[in-house]
N, C-alpha and C. Protein backbone atom coordinates (compact mmCIF):
# COMPACT_ATOMS: atom_id res chain seq x y z
N PRO A 1 0.81 -1.28 -0.09
CA PRO A 1 0.16 0.05 0.29
C PRO A 1 0.58 1.13 0.05
N ILE A 2 1.95 1.09 0.65
CA ILE A 2 2.69 2.52 0.61
C ILE A 2 3.48 2.63 -0.73
N GLU A 3 3.74 1.72 -1.40
CA GLU A 3 4.49 1.71 -2.82
C GLU A 3 3.22 2.59 -3.61
N VAL A 4 2.16 1.99 -3.69
CA VAL A 4 0.98 2.57 -4.40
C VAL A 4 0.75 4.06 -4.22
N LYS A 5 0.63 4.24 -2.97
CA LYS A 5 0.22 5.70 -2.36
C LYS A 5 1.39 6.79 -3.18
N LYS A 6 2.59 6.15 -2.75
CA LYS A 6 3.64 6.84 -3.39
C LYS A 6 3.48 7.02 -4.71
N GLN A 7 3.28 6.38 -5.67
CA GLN A 7 3.13 6.25 -7.12
C GLN A 7 1.74 7.25 -7.27
N GLU A 8 0.86 7.48 -6.39
CA GLU A 8 -0.29 8.38 -6.69
C GLU A 8 0.04 9.74 -6.55
N MET A 9 1.04 9.79 -5.34
CA MET A 9 1.82 10.82 -5.25
C MET A 9 2.47 11.61 -6.59
N LEU A 10 3.49 10.60 -7.04
CA LEU A 10 4.22 11.24 -8.13
C LEU A 10 3.32 11.50 -9.28
N SER A 11 2.31 10.95 -9.51
CA SER A 11 1.41 10.83 -10.84
C SER A 11 0.63 11.98 -10.32
N LYS A 12 0.37 12.75 -9.41
CA LYS A 12 -0.35 13.95 -9.19
C LYS A 12 0.69 15.37 -9.10
N GLY A 13 1.90 14.92 -9.55
CA GLY A 13 2.89 15.95 -9.29
C GLY A 13 3.82 16.25 -8.35
N ALA A 14 3.81 15.50 -7.26
CA ALA A 14 4.76 15.46 -6.14
C ALA A 14 6.17 15.28 -6.70
N SER A 15 7.11 15.88 -6.27
CA SER A 15 8.61 15.45 -6.93
C SER A 15 9.09 14.33 -6.23
N GLN A 16 9.89 13.67 -6.75
CA GLN A 16 10.60 12.17 -6.08
C GLN A 16 10.78 12.56 -4.64
N GLU A 17 11.50 13.76 -4.34
CA GLU A 17 12.15 13.77 -3.01
C GLU A 17 11.03 14.19 -2.13
N GLU A 18 10.01 14.60 -2.49
CA GLU A 18 8.79 14.77 -1.67
C GLU A 18 8.02 13.64 -1.13
N ALA A 19 8.11 12.56 -2.27
CA ALA A 19 7.63 11.28 -2.26
C ALA A 19 8.45 10.32 -1.25
N ASP A 20 9.89 10.52 -1.71
CA ASP A 20 10.60 9.75 -0.73
C ASP A 20 10.84 10.26 0.62
N GLU A 21 10.63 11.35 0.93
CA GLU A 21 10.38 12.02 2.58
C GLU A 21 9.15 11.48 2.98
N TRP A 22 8.01 11.09 2.27
CA TRP A 22 6.87 10.77 2.64
C TRP A 22 6.82 9.34 3.29
N GLU A 23 7.70 8.75 2.32
CA GLU A 23 7.72 7.43 2.25
C GLU A 23 8.57 7.01 3.80
N CYS A 24 9.63 7.88 3.73
CA CYS A 24 10.35 7.53 4.76
C CYS A 24 9.77 7.80 6.11
N LEU A 25 8.79 8.94 6.18
CA LEU A 25 8.00 9.33 7.23
C LEU A 25 6.89 7.97 7.59
N VAL A 26 6.36 7.67 6.87
CA VAL A 26 5.45 6.61 7.05
C VAL A 26 6.11 5.37 7.18
N ARG A 27 6.96 5.09 7.23
CA ARG A 27 7.71 3.72 7.34
C ARG A 27 8.33 3.88 8.67
N GLU A 28 8.55 4.93 9.13
CA GLU A 28 9.21 5.37 10.51
C GLU A 28 7.87 5.23 11.62
N ILE A 29 6.91 5.95 11.22
CA ILE A 29 5.82 5.91 12.15
C ILE A 29 5.22 4.54 12.34
N THR A 30 5.17 3.56 11.23
CA THR A 30 4.61 2.29 11.01
C THR A 30 5.73 1.38 11.97
N GLN A 31 7.05 1.69 11.97
CA GLN A 31 7.93 0.93 12.70
C GLN A 31 7.84 1.26 14.31
N VAL A 32 7.57 2.17 14.78
CA VAL A 32 7.37 2.51 15.94
C VAL A 32 5.99 2.24 16.52
N ILE A 33 5.19 2.16 15.72
CA ILE A 33 3.80 1.87 16.42
C ILE A 33 3.97 0.35 16.49
N SER A 34 4.58 -0.47 15.48
CA SER A 34 4.69 -1.90 15.78
C SER A 34 5.62 -2.24 16.87
N SER A 35 7.05 -1.47 16.80
CA SER A 35 7.85 -1.82 18.01
C SER A 35 7.44 -1.53 19.11
N LYS A 36 6.65 -0.59 19.67
CA LYS A 36 5.88 -0.06 20.85
C LYS A 36 4.56 -0.95 20.96
N GLN A 37 4.25 -1.54 20.23
CA GLN A 37 2.82 -2.38 20.13
C GLN A 37 1.79 -1.15 20.56
N LEU A 38 1.71 -0.39 19.82
CA LEU A 38 0.72 0.68 20.03
C LEU A 38 -0.78 0.50 19.95
N VAL A 39 -1.72 0.53 20.38
CA VAL A 39 -3.14 0.15 19.83
C VAL A 39 -4.17 1.49 20.15
N PRO A 40 -5.09 1.82 19.39
CA PRO A 40 -6.01 2.85 19.74
C PRO A 40 -7.04 2.60 21.02
N THR A 41 -6.93 3.81 21.91
CA THR A 41 -7.27 3.51 23.05
C THR A 41 -8.50 4.65 23.24
N VAL A 42 -8.70 5.26 22.51
CA VAL A 42 -9.64 6.40 22.54
C VAL A 42 -10.70 6.71 21.28
N ARG A 43 -11.93 6.84 21.39
CA ARG A 43 -12.80 6.92 20.17
C ARG A 43 -13.16 8.22 20.31
N THR A 44 -13.31 8.99 19.36
CA THR A 44 -13.79 10.37 19.29
C THR A 44 -14.87 10.49 18.15
N GLN A 45 -16.10 10.84 18.88
CA GLN A 45 -17.37 10.93 18.10
C GLN A 45 -17.79 12.30 18.23
N TYR A 46 -18.17 13.03 16.86
CA TYR A 46 -18.80 14.53 16.75
C TYR A 46 -19.47 14.72 15.62
N MET A 47 -20.24 15.89 15.58
CA MET A 47 -20.97 16.22 14.69
C MET A 47 -20.22 17.54 13.71
N ARG A 48 -19.82 17.32 12.53
CA ARG A 48 -18.97 18.26 11.99
C ARG A 48 -20.22 19.10 11.05
N THR A 49 -19.82 20.31 11.08
CA THR A 49 -20.34 21.47 10.07
C THR A 49 -19.46 22.00 9.70
N ALA A 50 -19.45 21.99 8.00
CA ALA A 50 -18.49 22.89 7.51
C ALA A 50 -18.92 24.03 6.46
N PHE A 51 -18.47 25.03 6.61
CA PHE A 51 -18.94 26.17 5.62
C PHE A 51 -17.85 26.68 4.75
N GLN A 52 -18.12 27.00 3.28
CA GLN A 52 -17.27 27.55 2.36
C GLN A 52 -17.87 28.18 1.26
N ILE A 53 -17.16 28.82 0.71
CA ILE A 53 -17.67 29.47 -0.26
C ILE A 53 -17.94 28.73 -1.48
N PRO A 54 -19.19 28.55 -1.92
CA PRO A 54 -19.47 27.65 -3.36
C PRO A 54 -18.26 27.59 -4.43
N PHE A 55 -17.96 26.53 -4.80
CA PHE A 55 -16.97 26.33 -5.77
C PHE A 55 -15.72 27.07 -5.62
N ASP A 56 -15.17 27.40 -4.08
CA ASP A 56 -13.82 27.95 -4.05
C ASP A 56 -13.60 27.51 -2.38
N ALA A 57 -12.69 26.36 -2.61
CA ALA A 57 -12.09 25.75 -1.35
C ALA A 57 -10.74 26.42 -0.69
N THR A 58 -10.65 27.77 -0.94
CA THR A 58 -9.51 28.22 -0.31
C THR A 58 -9.73 28.65 1.17
N VAL A 59 -11.10 29.14 1.46
CA VAL A 59 -11.22 29.05 2.90
C VAL A 59 -12.38 28.09 3.33
N ARG A 60 -12.22 27.34 4.24
CA ARG A 60 -12.93 26.60 4.78
C ARG A 60 -13.21 26.76 6.22
N ILE A 61 -14.34 26.59 7.00
CA ILE A 61 -14.09 26.78 8.22
C ILE A 61 -15.31 25.34 8.98
N SER A 62 -14.71 24.83 9.42
CA SER A 62 -15.53 23.45 10.35
C SER A 62 -15.58 23.73 11.76
N LEU A 63 -16.98 23.35 12.22
CA LEU A 63 -17.28 23.58 13.50
C LEU A 63 -17.89 22.26 13.95
N ASP A 64 -17.07 21.75 14.95
CA ASP A 64 -17.24 20.29 15.49
C ASP A 64 -18.05 20.57 16.88
N THR A 65 -19.36 20.07 17.13
CA THR A 65 -20.11 20.05 17.98
C THR A 65 -20.29 18.53 18.59
N ASN A 66 -21.06 18.43 19.74
CA ASN A 66 -21.37 17.33 20.24
C ASN A 66 -20.15 16.39 20.62
N LEU A 67 -19.20 17.02 21.00
CA LEU A 67 -17.70 16.14 20.76
C LEU A 67 -17.94 15.13 22.12
N CYS A 68 -17.71 13.91 21.66
CA CYS A 68 -17.70 12.60 22.68
C CYS A 68 -16.47 11.92 22.63
N MET A 69 -15.72 12.00 23.52
CA MET A 69 -14.55 10.89 23.56
C MET A 69 -14.44 9.82 24.41
N ILE A 70 -14.52 8.60 23.99
CA ILE A 70 -14.81 7.48 24.59
C ILE A 70 -13.46 6.61 24.87
N SER A 71 -13.25 6.25 25.96
CA SER A 71 -12.31 5.33 26.16
C SER A 71 -12.47 3.93 25.79
N GLU A 72 -11.46 3.41 25.15
CA GLU A 72 -11.51 2.13 24.66
C GLU A 72 -10.74 1.12 25.15
N ARG A 73 -10.17 1.40 26.40
CA ARG A 73 -9.42 0.68 27.14
C ARG A 73 -10.03 -0.74 27.69
N GLY A 74 -9.45 -1.91 27.64
CA GLY A 74 -9.97 -2.93 28.38
C GLY A 74 -10.53 -3.99 27.28
N TYR A 75 -10.32 -3.45 25.82
CA TYR A 75 -11.02 -4.33 24.84
C TYR A 75 -10.39 -5.45 24.58
N ASP A 76 -10.71 -6.44 23.91
CA ASP A 76 -10.08 -7.64 23.25
C ASP A 76 -9.51 -7.66 22.04
N LEU A 77 -8.48 -7.73 21.69
CA LEU A 77 -8.02 -7.46 20.50
C LEU A 77 -8.35 -8.57 19.21
N LYS A 78 -8.57 -9.72 19.81
CA LYS A 78 -9.26 -10.73 19.03
C LYS A 78 -8.21 -11.02 17.75
N ASP A 79 -7.15 -11.33 17.79
CA ASP A 79 -6.11 -11.33 16.82
C ASP A 79 -5.96 -10.06 15.75
N SER A 80 -5.96 -9.05 16.77
CA SER A 80 -5.78 -7.79 15.79
C SER A 80 -6.81 -7.14 14.85
N SER A 81 -7.94 -7.95 14.70
CA SER A 81 -8.94 -7.55 13.67
C SER A 81 -9.80 -6.69 14.49
N VAL A 82 -10.08 -6.69 15.79
CA VAL A 82 -11.03 -5.87 16.17
C VAL A 82 -10.68 -5.05 17.61
N TRP A 83 -10.49 -3.76 17.54
CA TRP A 83 -9.69 -3.03 18.52
C TRP A 83 -10.82 -2.05 19.31
N HIS A 84 -12.03 -2.16 18.94
CA HIS A 84 -13.19 -1.35 19.63
C HIS A 84 -13.84 -2.50 20.43
N ARG A 85 -14.65 -1.75 21.45
CA ARG A 85 -15.32 -2.41 22.26
C ARG A 85 -16.62 -2.99 21.55
N ASP A 86 -16.94 -4.16 22.24
CA ASP A 86 -18.27 -4.72 21.30
C ASP A 86 -19.47 -3.78 21.92
N PRO A 87 -20.31 -3.30 21.20
CA PRO A 87 -21.25 -2.31 21.72
C PRO A 87 -22.47 -3.30 22.22
N ASN A 88 -22.49 -4.58 22.19
CA ASN A 88 -23.30 -5.35 22.77
C ASN A 88 -23.15 -5.81 24.19
N MET A 89 -21.82 -5.49 24.45
CA MET A 89 -21.34 -5.73 25.87
C MET A 89 -21.22 -4.45 26.72
N THR A 90 -22.06 -4.46 27.78
CA THR A 90 -22.00 -3.04 28.42
C THR A 90 -21.44 -3.54 29.66
């Protein structure tokens, strides 16, 4: 997947240097997540409202309301396929 995204960047006009730097960063982040066995522990839920001038995305304002942060600690990984709590278990 990293190689595919890198090729997409290059096809959209990114320079080889930018693509290489991006790839290096992604591989470094992936390595840290793996080596430290990091897993998600917080889920965020919100309602987003966005405003912008029609057909002009130079300025966009987003308002997030009803913000709720839910702790996901104490979950069962199930072979790393499910990281979130089972909503049927209370």
